[in-house]
Amino acid sequence: MQPNDNLEFATFETKFGPVERVRIKGHRIAIENVIECFNSGMAPEEIQREANPTLTLAEVHATIAYYLANKADVDEYIQRGEKIAEAYYQEYKEKGPFFLRDEGLAKRKDRQTGNGHPTP
């Protein structure tokens, strides 16, 4: 996707592959929050007032304009994110609600027994 002054782009690795995150600059709001509302038929004023009141109307318009100018790339970005989210959900369904805690405790125990020094 093309750089934009109104958006912040970040990429980080997960065990299911790289994940991109595009947020509206100065907010923790991902562009897909605005785009989903827009694609469901909400007007920019409704998106700002009802779904994302911390955004200015100008920020909503800028996000929609970016989407319309880069629709294929943004749709692809959203699909990649949904694929990663689905992989995590399937892992959760398979392993149960406490698997992350259990894996963390196991790693901690391995560190404690592996080097002979307890880890706080």
Protein backbone atom coordinates (compact mmCIF):
# COMPACT_ATOMS: atom_id res chain seq x y z
CA MET A 1 0.00 0.00 0.00
CA GLN A 2 1.07 3.53 -0.65
CA PRO A 3 2.31 5.73 2.22
CA ASN A 4 -0.13 8.35 3.41
CA ASP A 5 0.24 11.30 5.80
CA ASN A 6 -3.03 10.44 7.53
CA LEU A 7 -2.19 6.79 8.22
CA GLU A 8 0.42 4.85 10.18
CA PHE A 9 1.72 1.59 8.69
CA ALA A 10 3.36 -1.20 10.69
CA THR A 11 4.25 -4.82 9.99
CA PHE A 12 5.13 -7.46 12.54
CA GLU A 13 5.70 -11.19 12.50
CA THR A 14 3.33 -13.76 13.98
CA LYS A 15 3.59 -17.52 14.01
CA PHE A 16 1.05 -17.54 11.18
CA GLY A 17 2.95 -15.06 9.02
CA PRO A 18 3.50 -11.32 8.81
CA VAL A 19 0.68 -9.04 9.86
CA GLU A 20 0.20 -5.51 8.67
CA ARG A 21 -1.57 -2.90 10.73
CA VAL A 22 -2.77 0.35 9.23
CA ARG A 23 -4.14 2.84 11.73
CA ILE A 24 -5.41 6.35 11.46
CA LYS A 25 -2.57 8.61 12.61
CA GLY A 26 -2.97 9.76 16.20
CA HIS A 27 -5.53 7.06 16.98
CA ARG A 28 -5.62 3.35 17.70
CA ILE A 29 -8.36 2.94 15.13
CA ALA A 30 -7.55 0.58 12.27
CA ILE A 31 -8.68 1.68 8.82
CA GLU A 32 -10.85 -1.42 8.50
CA ASN A 33 -13.12 -0.02 11.22
CA VAL A 34 -13.94 2.93 8.98
CA ILE A 35 -13.96 0.91 5.75
CA GLU A 36 -16.36 -1.70 7.15
CA CYS A 37 -18.83 1.04 8.08
CA PHE A 38 -18.39 2.72 4.69
CA ASN A 39 -18.95 -0.55 2.82
CA SER A 40 -22.08 -1.24 4.85
CA GLY A 41 -23.56 2.00 3.54
CA MET A 42 -22.89 4.45 6.34
CA ALA A 43 -22.25 8.05 5.34
CA PRO A 44 -19.00 9.65 6.53
CA GLU A 45 -20.94 11.78 9.03
CA GLU A 46 -22.56 8.63 10.51
CA ILE A 47 -19.22 6.85 10.68
CA GLN A 48 -17.72 9.74 12.60
CA ARG A 49 -20.70 10.34 14.88
CA GLU A 50 -21.84 6.76 15.60
CA ALA A 51 -18.91 4.42 15.03
CA ASN A 52 -15.76 6.47 15.60
CA PRO A 53 -16.53 9.67 17.53
CA THR A 54 -12.87 10.30 18.37
CA LEU A 55 -12.13 10.86 14.68
CA THR A 56 -12.73 14.13 12.95
CA LEU A 57 -14.91 14.18 9.88
CA ALA A 58 -11.81 15.13 7.88
CA GLU A 59 -10.02 11.99 9.12
CA VAL A 60 -12.98 9.83 8.09
CA HIS A 61 -13.05 11.46 4.64
CA ALA A 62 -9.27 11.03 4.26
CA THR A 63 -9.52 7.33 5.19
CA ILE A 64 -12.34 6.75 2.71
CA ALA A 65 -10.44 8.65 0.00
CA TYR A 66 -7.37 6.50 0.61
CA TYR A 67 -9.50 3.37 0.42
CA LEU A 68 -11.12 4.40 -2.85
CA ALA A 69 -7.74 5.26 -4.39
CA ASN A 70 -6.19 1.97 -3.21
CA LYS A 71 -9.23 -0.33 -3.06
CA ALA A 72 -7.60 -3.53 -4.33
CA ASP A 73 -4.60 -3.17 -1.98
CA VAL A 74 -6.75 -2.31 1.05
CA ASP A 75 -9.18 -5.17 0.37
CA GLU A 76 -6.21 -7.54 0.08
CA TYR A 77 -4.77 -6.16 3.36
CA ILE A 78 -8.08 -6.77 5.12
CA GLN A 79 -8.30 -10.33 3.75
CA ARG A 80 -4.76 -11.13 4.92
CA GLY A 81 -5.62 -9.85 8.40
CA GLU A 82 -8.79 -11.93 8.50
CA LYS A 83 -6.81 -15.02 7.46
CA ILE A 84 -4.34 -14.55 10.34
CA ALA A 85 -7.18 -13.88 12.79
CA GLU A 86 -8.93 -17.06 11.63
CA ALA A 87 -5.74 -19.08 12.16
CA TYR A 88 -5.49 -17.81 15.74
CA TYR A 89 -9.18 -18.55 16.31
CA GLN A 90 -8.79 -22.12 15.04
CA GLU A 91 -5.80 -22.61 17.34
CA TYR A 92 -7.88 -21.32 20.25
CA LYS A 93 -10.73 -23.70 19.38
CA GLU A 94 -8.32 -26.63 19.11
CA LYS A 95 -6.26 -25.98 22.24
CA GLY A 96 -8.78 -24.39 24.60
CA PRO A 97 -9.00 -21.07 26.40
CA PHE A 98 -5.93 -21.47 28.61
CA PHE A 99 -3.37 -22.70 26.10
CA LEU A 100 -1.41 -19.44 26.04
CA ARG A 101 -1.12 -19.40 29.81
CA ASP A 102 -0.12 -23.08 29.84
CA GLU A 103 2.49 -22.58 27.11
CA GLY A 104 3.92 -19.59 28.98
CA LEU A 105 4.13 -21.53 32.23
CA ALA A 106 5.84 -24.44 30.46
CA LYS A 107 8.42 -22.09 28.91
CA ARG A 108 9.05 -20.49 32.28
CA LYS A 109 9.54 -23.89 33.89
CA ASP A 110 11.96 -24.90 31.12
CA ARG A 111 14.01 -21.75 31.70
CA GLN A 112 14.11 -22.37 35.42
CA THR A 113 15.22 -25.97 35.11
CA GLY A 114 17.43 -25.44 32.07
CA ASN A 115 19.93 -23.08 33.61
CA GLY A 116 19.64 -24.01 37.28
CA HIS A 117 18.67 -20.50 38.30
CA PRO A 118 15.06 -19.66 39.07
CA THR A 119 13.53 -16.93 36.97
CA PRO A 120 11.38 -14.40 38.82
